[in-house]
């Protein structure tokens, strides 16, 4: 029976993580002022706008940060964690569920940025068309993280700035997100 629960848990994780990925892309694209004429940006806006439009009437942006999308991403993580607990027959504590879902969103965002920086640095090694929509969106989203280190960690012809950013993201996952995940899990299971 646990094999069936594992498979069901995987499907639940995939469905909710896909929704959170779209919402995070929306937050990052707006915060970094991604080109709206990019087909990928249009895809993200088209599929997140029906859900975000009613929430944005109540929760406006703060500077360039789409707070409505962040709230919906957190609620998606909260619902995902609640469904996963319910599938296993457990009822977590509310405070633990709130902290756990916030920690999972933070961990997911850090891992998402880590993957984006890795993909950006990998694509920069190959001769690809700089006007390609994926590369343009990646460059726009990754640029704020790379800007402080750009040109400062160059040895020979190799720029080690992407590696430094990836190490910083990994350290943030280990030192910030992991303790929050542990705290949230302890609070959720302490009933």
Protein backbone atom coordinates (compact mmCIF):
# COMPACT_ATOMS: atom_id res chain seq x y z
CA UNK A 1 0.00 0.00 0.00
CA UNK A 2 2.90 2.41 0.65
CA UNK A 3 3.95 2.13 -3.02
CA UNK A 4 0.55 3.47 -4.04
CA UNK A 5 0.83 6.29 -1.50
CA UNK A 6 4.31 7.15 -2.79
CA UNK A 7 3.01 7.32 -6.36
CA UNK A 8 0.04 9.44 -5.30
CA UNK A 9 2.37 11.72 -3.30
CA UNK A 10 4.58 12.17 -6.36
CA UNK A 11 1.61 13.13 -8.54
CA UNK A 12 0.37 15.60 -5.93
CA UNK A 13 3.85 17.15 -5.64
CA UNK A 14 4.16 17.47 -9.43
CA UNK A 15 0.78 19.14 -9.84
CA UNK A 16 1.26 21.69 -7.07
CA UNK A 17 4.91 22.36 -7.96
CA UNK A 18 3.92 23.11 -11.56
CA UNK A 19 1.45 25.73 -10.33
CA UNK A 20 4.02 27.22 -7.94
CA UNK A 21 6.60 27.33 -10.75
CA UNK A 22 4.25 29.37 -12.93
CA UNK A 23 3.49 31.74 -10.06
CA UNK A 24 7.19 32.17 -9.22
CA UNK A 25 8.00 32.83 -12.87
CA UNK A 26 5.31 35.51 -12.83
CA UNK A 27 6.80 37.12 -9.71
CA UNK A 28 10.34 37.01 -11.11
CA UNK A 29 9.32 38.22 -14.57
CA UNK A 30 7.52 41.22 -13.10
CA UNK A 31 10.25 42.00 -10.57
CA UNK A 32 12.97 41.86 -13.22
CA UNK A 33 10.86 43.65 -15.85
CA UNK A 34 11.00 40.84 -18.37
CA UNK A 35 10.07 41.69 -21.94
CA UNK A 36 6.33 41.14 -22.29
CA UNK A 37 6.71 40.47 -26.00
CA UNK A 38 8.70 37.34 -25.20
CA UNK A 39 6.48 34.29 -25.96
CA UNK A 40 7.45 32.66 -22.65
CA UNK A 41 6.45 35.76 -20.71
CA UNK A 42 3.15 35.85 -22.55
CA UNK A 43 2.59 32.16 -21.71
CA UNK A 44 3.22 32.80 -18.01
CA UNK A 45 0.98 35.88 -17.96
CA UNK A 46 -1.79 34.16 -19.90
CA UNK A 47 -1.99 31.16 -17.58
CA UNK A 48 -1.56 32.97 -14.29
CA UNK A 49 -3.74 36.00 -14.96
CA UNK A 50 -7.17 34.31 -14.51
CA UNK A 51 -6.19 33.27 -10.99
CA UNK A 52 -4.27 36.42 -10.10
CA UNK A 53 -6.66 39.08 -11.45
CA UNK A 54 -9.26 38.79 -8.64
CA UNK A 55 -6.59 38.58 -5.93
CA UNK A 56 -4.70 41.59 -7.29
CA UNK A 57 -7.78 43.75 -6.77
CA UNK A 58 -7.40 43.11 -3.03
CA UNK A 59 -3.63 42.74 -2.73
CA UNK A 60 -1.69 45.25 -4.85
CA UNK A 61 1.94 44.99 -5.86
CA UNK A 62 4.59 46.26 -3.51
CA UNK A 63 7.11 48.09 -5.68
CA UNK A 64 7.68 45.50 -8.42
CA UNK A 65 6.90 42.46 -6.26
CA UNK A 66 3.63 40.73 -7.10
CA UNK A 67 2.35 40.00 -3.59
CA UNK A 68 -0.78 38.30 -4.90
CA UNK A 69 1.29 35.73 -6.80
CA UNK A 70 3.47 35.14 -3.75
CA UNK A 71 0.39 34.66 -1.58
CA UNK A 72 -1.11 32.19 -4.06
CA UNK A 73 2.19 30.31 -4.29
CA UNK A 74 2.28 30.05 -0.49
CA UNK A 75 -1.36 28.91 -0.40
CA UNK A 76 -0.57 26.29 -3.06
CA UNK A 77 2.28 24.99 -0.89
CA UNK A 78 -0.02 25.03 2.13
CA UNK A 79 -2.70 23.07 0.29
CA UNK A 80 -0.12 20.64 -1.08
CA UNK A 81 1.28 19.92 2.37
CA UNK A 82 -2.23 19.55 3.84
CA UNK A 83 -3.23 17.09 1.07
CA UNK A 84 -0.03 15.09 1.57
CA UNK A 85 -0.68 14.88 5.30
CA UNK A 86 -4.33 13.92 4.67
CA UNK A 87 -3.31 11.15 2.26
CA UNK A 88 -1.16 9.60 4.96
CA UNK A 89 -3.98 9.91 7.49
CA UNK A 90 -2.34 12.57 9.66
CA UNK A 91 -3.76 15.88 10.78
CA UNK A 92 -0.98 18.42 11.35
CA UNK A 93 -1.02 21.39 13.69
CA UNK A 94 -2.07 24.66 12.06
CA UNK A 95 1.00 26.65 13.16
CA UNK A 96 3.30 23.91 11.93
CA UNK A 97 1.47 23.72 8.62
CA UNK A 98 1.81 27.49 8.13
CA UNK A 99 5.53 27.51 8.93
CA UNK A 100 6.18 24.34 6.93
CA UNK A 101 4.47 25.69 3.81
CA UNK A 102 6.35 28.99 4.07
CA UNK A 103 9.64 27.13 4.48
CA UNK A 104 8.82 24.88 1.52
CA UNK A 105 8.08 27.92 -0.63
CA UNK A 106 11.39 29.50 0.35
CA UNK A 107 13.26 26.25 -0.34
CA UNK A 108 11.44 25.83 -3.65
CA UNK A 109 12.27 29.41 -4.71
CA UNK A 110 15.96 28.98 -3.81
CA UNK A 111 16.15 25.68 -5.70
CA UNK A 112 14.28 27.21 -8.63
CA UNK A 113 16.79 30.08 -8.80
CA UNK A 114 19.65 27.58 -8.50
CA UNK A 115 18.34 25.69 -11.52
CA UNK A 116 17.87 28.92 -13.47
CA UNK A 117 21.43 30.09 -12.77
CA UNK A 118 22.80 26.66 -13.73
CA UNK A 119 20.78 26.60 -16.97
CA UNK A 120 21.84 30.18 -17.77
CA UNK A 121 25.53 29.42 -17.22
CA UNK A 122 25.27 26.19 -19.21
CA UNK A 123 23.57 27.91 -22.14
CA UNK A 124 26.16 30.70 -22.11
CA UNK A 125 28.86 28.13 -22.93
CA UNK A 126 27.25 27.25 -26.24
CA UNK A 127 26.77 29.33 -29.35
CA UNK A 128 23.03 29.83 -29.15
CA UNK A 129 20.95 32.61 -30.62
CA UNK A 130 20.92 35.42 -28.04
CA UNK A 131 17.43 36.39 -29.21
CA UNK A 132 15.97 33.01 -28.28
CA UNK A 133 12.99 33.52 -25.92
CA UNK A 134 14.30 31.10 -23.28
CA UNK A 135 17.72 32.73 -23.16
CA UNK A 136 16.26 36.24 -23.06
CA UNK A 137 13.95 35.36 -20.15
CA UNK A 138 16.74 33.52 -18.29
CA UNK A 139 19.10 36.43 -18.77
CA UNK A 140 16.52 38.89 -17.47
CA UNK A 141 15.71 36.81 -14.38
CA UNK A 142 19.29 35.83 -13.51
CA UNK A 143 20.84 39.27 -14.16
CA UNK A 144 20.01 40.79 -10.73
CA UNK A 145 21.86 37.97 -8.96
CA UNK A 146 24.84 38.08 -11.30
CA UNK A 147 25.21 41.88 -11.51
CA UNK A 148 27.18 42.39 -8.24
CA UNK A 149 29.74 39.72 -9.18
CA UNK A 150 29.95 40.17 -12.93
CA UNK A 151 33.56 40.60 -14.02
CA UNK A 152 34.97 40.29 -10.49
CA UNK A 153 35.57 36.55 -10.37
CA UNK A 154 37.17 36.08 -13.78
CA UNK A 155 40.22 33.85 -13.96
CA UNK A 156 41.70 33.61 -17.41
CA UNK A 157 38.68 33.33 -19.70
CA UNK A 158 36.38 31.73 -17.13
CA UNK A 159 33.88 33.69 -15.06
CA UNK A 160 33.26 32.00 -11.71
CA UNK A 161 30.40 34.35 -10.75
CA UNK A 162 27.69 31.76 -11.56
CA UNK A 163 29.44 29.24 -9.34
CA UNK A 164 29.63 31.74 -6.48
CA UNK A 165 25.92 32.54 -6.85
CA UNK A 166 25.03 28.83 -6.89
CA UNK A 167 27.11 28.24 -3.76
CA UNK A 168 25.36 31.17 -2.04
CA UNK A 169 21.96 29.73 -3.01
CA UNK A 170 22.94 26.29 -1.70
CA UNK A 171 24.14 27.81 1.56
CA UNK A 172 20.86 29.72 1.90
CA UNK A 173 18.99 26.45 1.44
CA UNK A 174 21.09 24.75 4.11
CA UNK A 175 21.26 27.59 6.64
CA UNK A 176 17.84 29.25 6.25
CA UNK A 177 15.35 26.95 4.54
CA UNK A 178 16.38 23.64 6.14
CA UNK A 179 16.06 24.85 9.77
CA UNK A 180 12.68 26.40 8.93
CA UNK A 181 11.57 23.11 7.35
CA UNK A 182 12.64 21.24 10.48
CA UNK A 183 10.85 23.72 12.74
CA UNK A 184 7.69 23.52 10.65
CA UNK A 185 7.72 19.72 10.64
CA UNK A 186 8.22 19.60 14.43
CA UNK A 187 5.35 22.04 14.95
CA UNK A 188 3.12 20.17 12.51
CA UNK A 189 3.67 16.79 14.14
CA UNK A 190 3.53 18.03 17.75
CA UNK A 191 -0.09 17.30 18.56
